[in-house]
Amino acid sequence: MTQRLHLVFGGELVDPSGTEFRNVDDIHVVGMFPDYARAYAAWKAEAQRTVDNAHMRYFIAHIHRMIDEGSEASPTEALGG
């Protein structure tokens, strides 16, 4: 069975309609989760906690989609070498 990893992170955006962070050093990494349900729960908690700031956004990154175990080197592995 393939492991499905999800990263939840967020921060203040330059423009609420975009995805550019105001300060990359201030990105809040909530954590890595083994399934979407737990990632969604963490995302929802952070989104609700920061609801009063229209510039704050949290995202769920599907890390398992970035890893292609079927090829010799995944795109992320190729960048390192």
PDB file of N, CA and C in Angstrom:
ATOM      1  N   MET A   1       0.840  -1.178   0.000  1.00  0.00           N
ATOM      2  CA  MET A   1       0.000   0.000   0.000  1.00  0.00           C
ATOM      3  C   MET A   1       0.890   1.248   0.000  1.00  0.00           C
ATOM      4  N   THR A   2       0.557   2.213  -0.823  1.00  0.00           N
ATOM      5  CA  THR A   2       1.323   3.441  -0.938  1.00  0.00           C
ATOM      6  C   THR A   2       1.028   4.352   0.247  1.00  0.00           C
ATOM      7  N   GLN A   3       2.081   4.893   0.828  1.00  0.00           N
ATOM      8  CA  GLN A   3       1.916   5.846   1.914  1.00  0.00           C
ATOM      9  C   GLN A   3       1.545   7.199   1.330  1.00  0.00           C
ATOM     10  N   ARG A   4       0.542   7.817   1.872  1.00  0.00           N
ATOM     11  CA  ARG A   4       0.071   9.110   1.381  1.00  0.00           C
ATOM     12  C   ARG A   4       0.374  10.179   2.433  1.00  0.00           C
ATOM     13  N   LEU A   5       1.344  11.032   2.127  1.00  0.00           N
ATOM     14  CA  LEU A   5       1.759  12.069   3.060  1.00  0.00           C
ATOM     15  C   LEU A   5       1.183  13.418   2.653  1.00  0.00           C
ATOM     16  N   HIS A   6       0.747  14.181   3.643  1.00  0.00           N
ATOM     17  CA  HIS A   6       0.152  15.491   3.412  1.00  0.00           C
ATOM     18  C   HIS A   6       0.797  16.502   4.346  1.00  0.00           C
ATOM     19  N   LEU A   7       1.255  17.617   3.792  1.00  0.00           N
ATOM     20  CA  LEU A   7       1.868  18.688   4.561  1.00  0.00           C
ATOM     21  C   LEU A   7       0.878  19.843   4.672  1.00  0.00           C
ATOM     22  N   VAL A   8       0.651  20.311   5.887  1.00  0.00           N
ATOM     23  CA  VAL A   8      -0.225  21.458   6.118  1.00  0.00           C
ATOM     24  C   VAL A   8       0.657  22.641   6.519  1.00  0.00           C
ATOM     25  N   PHE A   9       0.501  23.747   5.801  1.00  0.00           N
ATOM     26  CA  PHE A   9       1.301  24.944   6.059  1.00  0.00           C
ATOM     27  C   PHE A   9       0.512  26.178   5.658  1.00  0.00           C
ATOM     28  N   GLY A  10       0.951  27.323   6.132  1.00  0.00           N
ATOM     29  CA  GLY A  10       0.257  28.549   5.764  1.00  0.00           C
ATOM     30  C   GLY A  10       0.983  29.776   6.251  1.00  0.00           C
ATOM     31  N   GLY A  11       0.391  30.900   5.952  1.00  0.00           N
ATOM     32  CA  GLY A  11       0.966  32.169   6.364  1.00  0.00           C
ATOM     33  C   GLY A  11       0.211  33.325   5.748  1.00  0.00           C
ATOM     34  N   GLU A  12       0.753  34.501   5.954  1.00  0.00           N
ATOM     35  CA  GLU A  12       0.113  35.712   5.456  1.00  0.00           C
ATOM     36  C   GLU A  12       0.491  35.938   3.997  1.00  0.00           C
ATOM     37  N   LEU A  13      -0.500  36.185   3.168  1.00  0.00           N
ATOM     38  CA  LEU A  13      -0.290  36.401   1.740  1.00  0.00           C
ATOM     39  C   LEU A  13      -0.187  37.884   1.412  1.00  0.00           C
ATOM     40  N   VAL A  14       0.507  38.202   0.328  1.00  0.00           N
ATOM     41  CA  VAL A  14       0.601  39.573  -0.161  1.00  0.00           C
ATOM     42  C   VAL A  14      -0.784  40.056  -0.582  1.00  0.00           C
ATOM     43  N   ASP A  15      -1.503  39.216  -1.290  1.00  0.00           N
ATOM     44  CA  ASP A  15      -2.840  39.525  -1.804  1.00  0.00           C
ATOM     45  C   ASP A  15      -3.731  38.329  -1.497  1.00  0.00           C
ATOM     46  N   PRO A  16      -4.866  38.522  -0.836  1.00  0.00           N
ATOM     47  CA  PRO A  16      -5.728  37.394  -0.472  1.00  0.00           C
ATOM     48  C   PRO A  16      -6.221  36.564  -1.660  1.00  0.00           C
ATOM     49  N   SER A  17      -6.173  37.112  -2.857  1.00  0.00           N
ATOM     50  CA  SER A  17      -6.626  36.348  -4.021  1.00  0.00           C
ATOM     51  C   SER A  17      -5.481  35.579  -4.687  1.00  0.00           C
ATOM     52  N   GLY A  18      -4.260  35.703  -4.155  1.00  0.00           N
ATOM     53  CA  GLY A  18      -3.106  35.024  -4.738  1.00  0.00           C
ATOM     54  C   GLY A  18      -2.543  33.959  -3.813  1.00  0.00           C
ATOM     55  N   THR A  19      -1.327  33.528  -4.122  1.00  0.00           N
ATOM     56  CA  THR A  19      -0.665  32.510  -3.308  1.00  0.00           C
ATOM     57  C   THR A  19       0.761  32.898  -2.938  1.00  0.00           C
ATOM     58  N   GLU A  20       1.119  34.169  -3.101  1.00  0.00           N
ATOM     59  CA  GLU A  20       2.468  34.633  -2.752  1.00  0.00           C
ATOM     60  C   GLU A  20       2.497  35.050  -1.287  1.00  0.00           C
ATOM     61  N   PHE A  21       3.420  34.445  -0.523  1.00  0.00           N
ATOM     62  CA  PHE A  21       3.524  34.756   0.900  1.00  0.00           C
ATOM     63  C   PHE A  21       4.221  36.099   1.109  1.00  0.00           C
ATOM     64  N   ARG A  22       3.747  36.838   2.094  1.00  0.00           N
ATOM     65  CA  ARG A  22       4.330  38.139   2.434  1.00  0.00           C
ATOM     66  C   ARG A  22       5.766  37.965   2.908  1.00  0.00           C
ATOM     67  N   ASN A  23       6.016  36.966   3.755  1.00  0.00           N
ATOM     68  CA  ASN A  23       7.357  36.719   4.271  1.00  0.00           C
ATOM     69  C   ASN A  23       7.540  35.196   4.400  1.00  0.00           C
ATOM     70  N   VAL A  24       8.357  34.635   3.543  1.00  0.00           N
ATOM     71  CA  VAL A  24       8.570  33.184   3.526  1.00  0.00           C
ATOM     72  C   VAL A  24       9.137  32.686   4.854  1.00  0.00           C
ATOM     73  N   ASP A  25       9.910  33.520   5.533  1.00  0.00           N
ATOM     74  CA  ASP A  25      10.482  33.123   6.824  1.00  0.00           C
ATOM     75  C   ASP A  25       9.414  32.929   7.894  1.00  0.00           C
ATOM     76  N   ASP A  26       8.245  33.504   7.691  1.00  0.00           N
ATOM     77  CA  ASP A  26       7.159  33.399   8.672  1.00  0.00           C
ATOM     78  C   ASP A  26       6.136  32.321   8.338  1.00  0.00           C
ATOM     79  N   ILE A  27       6.400  31.486   7.354  1.00  0.00           N
ATOM     80  CA  ILE A  27       5.455  30.411   7.017  1.00  0.00           C
ATOM     81  C   ILE A  27       5.328  29.473   8.209  1.00  0.00           C
ATOM     82  N   HIS A  28       4.098  29.182   8.558  1.00  0.00           N
ATOM     83  CA  HIS A  28       3.792  28.292   9.681  1.00  0.00           C
ATOM     84  C   HIS A  28       3.610  26.871   9.142  1.00  0.00           C
ATOM     85  N   VAL A  29       4.521  25.991   9.510  1.00  0.00           N
ATOM     86  CA  VAL A  29       4.400  24.585   9.133  1.00  0.00           C
ATOM     87  C   VAL A  29       3.643  23.889  10.264  1.00  0.00           C
ATOM     88  N   VAL A  30       2.429  23.482   9.966  1.00  0.00           N
ATOM     89  CA  VAL A  30       1.581  22.830  10.964  1.00  0.00           C
ATOM     90  C   VAL A  30       2.075  21.410  11.203  1.00  0.00           C
ATOM     91  N   GLY A  31       2.359  20.687  10.108  1.00  0.00           N
ATOM     92  CA  GLY A  31       2.876  19.333  10.260  1.00  0.00           C
ATOM     93  C   GLY A  31       2.634  18.462   9.054  1.00  0.00           C
ATOM     94  N   MET A  32       3.162  17.245   9.161  1.00  0.00           N
ATOM     95  CA  MET A  32       3.017  16.223   8.125  1.00  0.00           C
ATOM     96  C   MET A  32       2.020  15.192   8.664  1.00  0.00           C
ATOM     97  N   PHE A  33       1.099  14.771   7.806  1.00  0.00           N
ATOM     98  CA  PHE A  33       0.034  13.870   8.236  1.00  0.00           C
ATOM     99  C   PHE A  33      -0.041  12.656   7.310  1.00  0.00           C
ATOM    100  N   PRO A  34      -0.351  11.481   7.869  1.00  0.00           N
ATOM    101  CA  PRO A  34      -0.341  10.244   7.096  1.00  0.00           C
ATOM    102  C   PRO A  34      -1.594  10.005   6.252  1.00  0.00           C
ATOM    103  N   ASP A  35      -2.608  10.840   6.425  1.00  0.00           N
ATOM    104  CA  ASP A  35      -3.812  10.684   5.605  1.00  0.00           C
ATOM    105  C   ASP A  35      -4.505  12.036   5.462  1.00  0.00           C
ATOM    106  N   TYR A  36      -5.359  12.126   4.455  1.00  0.00           N
ATOM    107  CA  TYR A  36      -6.005  13.392   4.144  1.00  0.00           C
ATOM    108  C   TYR A  36      -6.945  13.843   5.256  1.00  0.00           C
ATOM    109  N   ALA A  37      -7.626  12.919   5.887  1.00  0.00           N
ATOM    110  CA  ALA A  37      -8.595  13.277   6.928  1.00  0.00           C
ATOM    111  C   ALA A  37      -7.913  14.040   8.066  1.00  0.00           C
ATOM    112  N   ARG A  38      -6.767  13.566   8.508  1.00  0.00           N
ATOM    113  CA  ARG A  38      -6.053  14.252   9.591  1.00  0.00           C
ATOM    114  C   ARG A  38      -5.462  15.581   9.112  1.00  0.00           C
ATOM    115  N   ALA A  39      -4.984  15.599   7.872  1.00  0.00           N
ATOM    116  CA  ALA A  39      -4.461  16.851   7.312  1.00  0.00           C
ATOM    117  C   ALA A  39      -5.580  17.885   7.204  1.00  0.00           C
ATOM    118  N   TYR A  40      -6.729  17.450   6.753  1.00  0.00           N
ATOM    119  CA  TYR A  40      -7.871  18.353   6.623  1.00  0.00           C
ATOM    120  C   TYR A  40      -8.291  18.914   7.984  1.00  0.00           C
ATOM    121  N   ALA A  41      -8.311  18.070   9.004  1.00  0.00           N
ATOM    122  CA  ALA A  41      -8.680  18.518  10.352  1.00  0.00           C
ATOM    123  C   ALA A  41      -7.689  19.574  10.854  1.00  0.00           C
ATOM    124  N   ALA A  42      -6.403  19.363  10.607  1.00  0.00           N
ATOM    125  CA  ALA A  42      -5.381  20.328  11.015  1.00  0.00           C
ATOM    126  C   ALA A  42      -5.522  21.625  10.221  1.00  0.00           C
ATOM    127  N   TRP A  43      -5.747  21.494   8.912  1.00  0.00           N
ATOM    128  CA  TRP A  43      -5.943  22.669   8.060  1.00  0.00           C
ATOM    129  C   TRP A  43      -7.141  23.483   8.538  1.00  0.00           C
ATOM    130  N   LYS A  44      -8.236  22.809   8.801  1.00  0.00           N
ATOM    131  CA  LYS A  44      -9.465  23.479   9.223  1.00  0.00           C
ATOM    132  C   LYS A  44      -9.274  24.205  10.555  1.00  0.00           C
ATOM    133  N   ALA A  45      -8.583  23.580  11.497  1.00  0.00           N
ATOM    134  CA  ALA A  45      -8.337  24.205  12.800  1.00  0.00           C
ATOM    135  C   ALA A  45      -7.528  25.485  12.642  1.00  0.00           C
ATOM    136  N   GLU A  46      -6.482  25.450  11.810  1.00  0.00           N
ATOM    137  CA  GLU A  46      -5.654  26.645  11.597  1.00  0.00           C
ATOM    138  C   GLU A  46      -6.414  27.715  10.830  1.00  0.00           C
ATOM    139  N   ALA A  47      -7.184  27.319   9.835  1.00  0.00           N
ATOM    140  CA  ALA A  47      -7.966  28.283   9.059  1.00  0.00           C
ATOM    141  C   ALA A  47      -8.995  28.976   9.957  1.00  0.00           C
ATOM    142  N   GLN A  48      -9.639  28.220  10.834  1.00  0.00           N
ATOM    143  CA  GLN A  48     -10.621  28.823  11.740  1.00  0.00           C
ATOM    144  C   GLN A  48      -9.948  29.711  12.788  1.00  0.00           C
ATOM    145  N   ARG A  49      -8.764  29.321  13.230  1.00  0.00           N
ATOM    146  CA  ARG A  49      -8.029  30.097  14.231  1.00  0.00           C
ATOM    147  C   ARG A  49      -7.633  31.472  13.688  1.00  0.00           C
ATOM    148  N   THR A  50      -7.390  31.565  12.391  1.00  0.00           N
ATOM    149  CA  THR A  50      -6.915  32.806  11.772  1.00  0.00           C
ATOM    150  C   THR A  50      -7.969  33.480  10.897  1.00  0.00           C
ATOM    151  N   VAL A  51      -9.223  33.132  11.093  1.00  0.00           N
ATOM    152  CA  VAL A  51     -10.305  33.610  10.228  1.00  0.00           C
ATOM    153  C   VAL A  51     -10.431  35.138  10.222  1.00  0.00           C
ATOM    154  N   ASP A  52     -10.011  35.817  11.261  1.00  0.00           N
ATOM    155  CA  ASP A  52     -10.132  37.274  11.322  1.00  0.00           C
ATOM    156  C   ASP A  52      -9.113  38.011  10.461  1.00  0.00           C
ATOM    157  N   ASN A  53      -8.101  37.311   9.956  1.00  0.00           N
ATOM    158  CA  ASN A  53      -7.088  37.922   9.093  1.00  0.00           C
ATOM    159  C   ASN A  53      -7.316  37.428   7.666  1.00  0.00           C
ATOM    160  N   ALA A  54      -7.862  38.298   6.820  1.00  0.00           N
ATOM    161  CA  ALA A  54      -8.198  37.909   5.444  1.00  0.00           C
ATOM    162  C   ALA A  54      -6.978  37.530   4.611  1.00  0.00           C
ATOM    163  N   HIS A  55      -5.789  37.933   5.048  1.00  0.00           N
ATOM    164  CA  HIS A  55      -4.569  37.629   4.295  1.00  0.00           C
ATOM    165  C   HIS A  55      -3.947  36.283   4.679  1.00  0.00           C
ATOM    166  N   MET A  56      -4.445  35.660   5.734  1.00  0.00           N
ATOM    167  CA  MET A  56      -3.899  34.367   6.176  1.00  0.00           C
ATOM    168  C   MET A  56      -4.547  33.239   5.382  1.00  0.00           C
ATOM    169  N   ARG A  57      -3.706  32.323   4.899  1.00  0.00           N
ATOM    170  CA  ARG A  57      -4.202  31.155   4.171  1.00  0.00           C
ATOM    171  C   ARG A  57      -3.391  29.937   4.581  1.00  0.00           C
ATOM    172  N   TYR A  58      -4.071  28.821   4.679  1.00  0.00           N
ATOM    173  CA  TYR A  58      -3.418  27.541   4.938  1.00  0.00           C
ATOM    174  C   TYR A  58      -3.689  26.618   3.763  1.00  0.00           C
ATOM    175  N   PHE A  59      -2.732  25.738   3.502  1.00  0.00           N
ATOM    176  CA  PHE A  59      -2.784  24.851   2.352  1.00  0.00           C
ATOM    177  C   PHE A  59      -2.468  23.424   2.770  1.00  0.00           C
ATOM    178  N   ILE A  60      -2.951  22.484   1.974  1.00  0.00           N
ATOM    179  CA  ILE A  60      -2.581  21.079   2.130  1.00  0.00           C
ATOM    180  C   ILE A  60      -1.803  20.687   0.883  1.00  0.00           C
ATOM    181  N   ALA A  61      -0.548  20.297   1.070  1.00  0.00           N
ATOM    182  CA  ALA A  61       0.282  19.836  -0.049  1.00  0.00           C
ATOM    183  C   ALA A  61       0.292  18.317  -0.034  1.00  0.00           C
ATOM    184  N   HIS A  62       0.006  17.728  -1.162  1.00  0.00           N
ATOM    185  CA  HIS A  62      -0.024  16.270  -1.299  1.00  0.00           C
ATOM    186  C   HIS A  62       1.393  15.793  -1.630  1.00  0.00           C
ATOM    187  N   ILE A  63       2.184  15.580  -0.601  1.00  0.00           N
ATOM    188  CA  ILE A  63       3.590  15.220  -0.764  1.00  0.00           C
ATOM    189  C   ILE A  63       3.740  13.907  -1.527  1.00  0.00           C
ATOM    190  N   HIS A  64       2.837  12.983  -1.308  1.00  0.00           N
ATOM    191  CA  HIS A  64       2.931  11.678  -1.984  1.00  0.00           C
ATOM    192  C   HIS A  64       2.838  11.824  -3.506  1.00  0.00           C
ATOM    193  N   ARG A  65       2.220  12.881  -3.988  1.00  0.00           N
ATOM    194  CA  ARG A  65       2.129  13.094  -5.436  1.00  0.00           C
ATOM    195  C   ARG A  65       3.446  13.593  -6.018  1.00  0.00           C
ATOM    196  N   MET A  66       4.322  14.128  -5.167  1.00  0.00           N
ATOM    197  CA  MET A  66       5.610  14.634  -5.633  1.00  0.00           C
ATOM    198  C   MET A  66       6.651  13.530  -5.742  1.00  0.00           C
ATOM    199  N   ILE A  67       6.368  12.412  -5.108  1.00  0.00           N
ATOM    200  CA  ILE A  67       7.320  11.303  -5.093  1.00  0.00           C
ATOM    201  C   ILE A  67       6.848  10.251  -6.089  1.00  0.00           C
ATOM    202  N   ASP A  68       7.631  10.012  -7.105  1.00  0.00           N
ATOM    203  CA  ASP A  68       7.294   9.003  -8.096  1.00  0.00           C
ATOM    204  C   ASP A  68       8.272   7.844  -7.930  1.00  0.00           C
ATOM    205  N   GLU A  69       7.873   6.855  -7.181  1.00  0.00           N
ATOM    206  CA  GLU A  69       8.761   5.745  -6.881  1.00  0.00           C
ATOM    207  C   GLU A  69       9.001   4.836  -8.085  1.00  0.00           C
ATOM    208  N   GLY A  70       8.214   4.989  -9.128  1.00  0.00           N
ATOM    209  CA  GLY A  70       8.348   4.143 -10.299  1.00  0.00           C
ATOM    210  C   GLY A  70       9.463   4.549 -11.249  1.00  0.00           C
ATOM    211  N   SER A  71      10.001   5.754 -11.090  1.00  0.00           N
ATOM    212  CA  SER A  71      11.065   6.202 -11.979  1.00  0.00           C
ATOM    213  C   SER A  71      12.414   6.126 -11.276  1.00  0.00           C
ATOM    214  N   GLU A  72      13.494   6.204 -12.062  1.00  0.00           N
ATOM    215  CA  GLU A  72      14.838   6.144 -11.490  1.00  0.00           C
ATOM    216  C   GLU A  72      15.078   7.275 -10.512  1.00  0.00           C
ATOM    217  N   ALA A  73      14.644   8.483 -10.869  1.00  0.00           N
ATOM    218  CA  ALA A  73      14.785   9.631  -9.992  1.00  0.00           C
ATOM    219  C   ALA A  73      13.545  10.484 -10.122  1.00  0.00           C
ATOM    220  N   SER A  74      12.906  10.762  -8.994  1.00  0.00           N
ATOM    221  CA  SER A  74      11.732  11.629  -9.035  1.00  0.00           C
ATOM    222  C   SER A  74      12.208  13.046  -9.322  1.00  0.00           C
ATOM    223  N   PRO A  75      11.321  13.945  -9.728  1.00  0.00           N
ATOM    224  CA  PRO A  75      11.738  15.319 -10.004  1.00  0.00           C
ATOM    225  C   PRO A  75      12.443  15.981  -8.817  1.00  0.00           C
ATOM    226  N   THR A  76      12.010  15.680  -7.599  1.00  0.00           N
ATOM    227  CA  THR A  76      12.665  16.288  -6.440  1.00  0.00           C
ATOM    228  C   THR A  76      14.040  15.685  -6.212  1.00  0.00           C
ATOM    229  N   GLU A  77      14.213  14.411  -6.452  1.00  0.00           N
ATOM    230  CA  GLU A  77      15.534  13.788  -6.306  1.00  0.00           C
ATOM    231  C   GLU A  77      16.498  14.313  -7.363  1.00  0.00           C
ATOM    232  N   ALA A  78      15.990  14.534  -8.561  1.00  0.00           N
ATOM    233  CA  ALA A  78      16.833  15.019  -9.649  1.00  0.00           C
ATOM    234  C   ALA A  78      17.390  16.415  -9.342  1.00  0.00           C
ATOM    235  N   LEU A  79      16.640  17.222  -8.617  1.00  0.00           N
ATOM    236  CA  LEU A  79      17.104  18.568  -8.278  1.00  0.00           C
ATOM    237  C   LEU A  79      18.316  18.521  -7.358  1.00  0.00           C
ATOM    238  N   GLY A  80      18.382  17.530  -6.496  1.00  0.00           N
ATOM    239  CA  GLY A  80      19.485  17.437  -5.544  1.00  0.00           C
ATOM    240  C   GLY A  80      20.761  16.887  -6.141  1.00  0.00           C
ATOM    241  N   GLY A  81      20.703  16.264  -7.277  1.00  0.00           N
ATOM    242  CA  GLY A  81      21.892  15.616  -7.796  1.00  0.00           C
ATOM    243  C   GLY A  81      22.273  16.142  -9.095  1.00  0.00           C
TER     244      GLY A  81
END
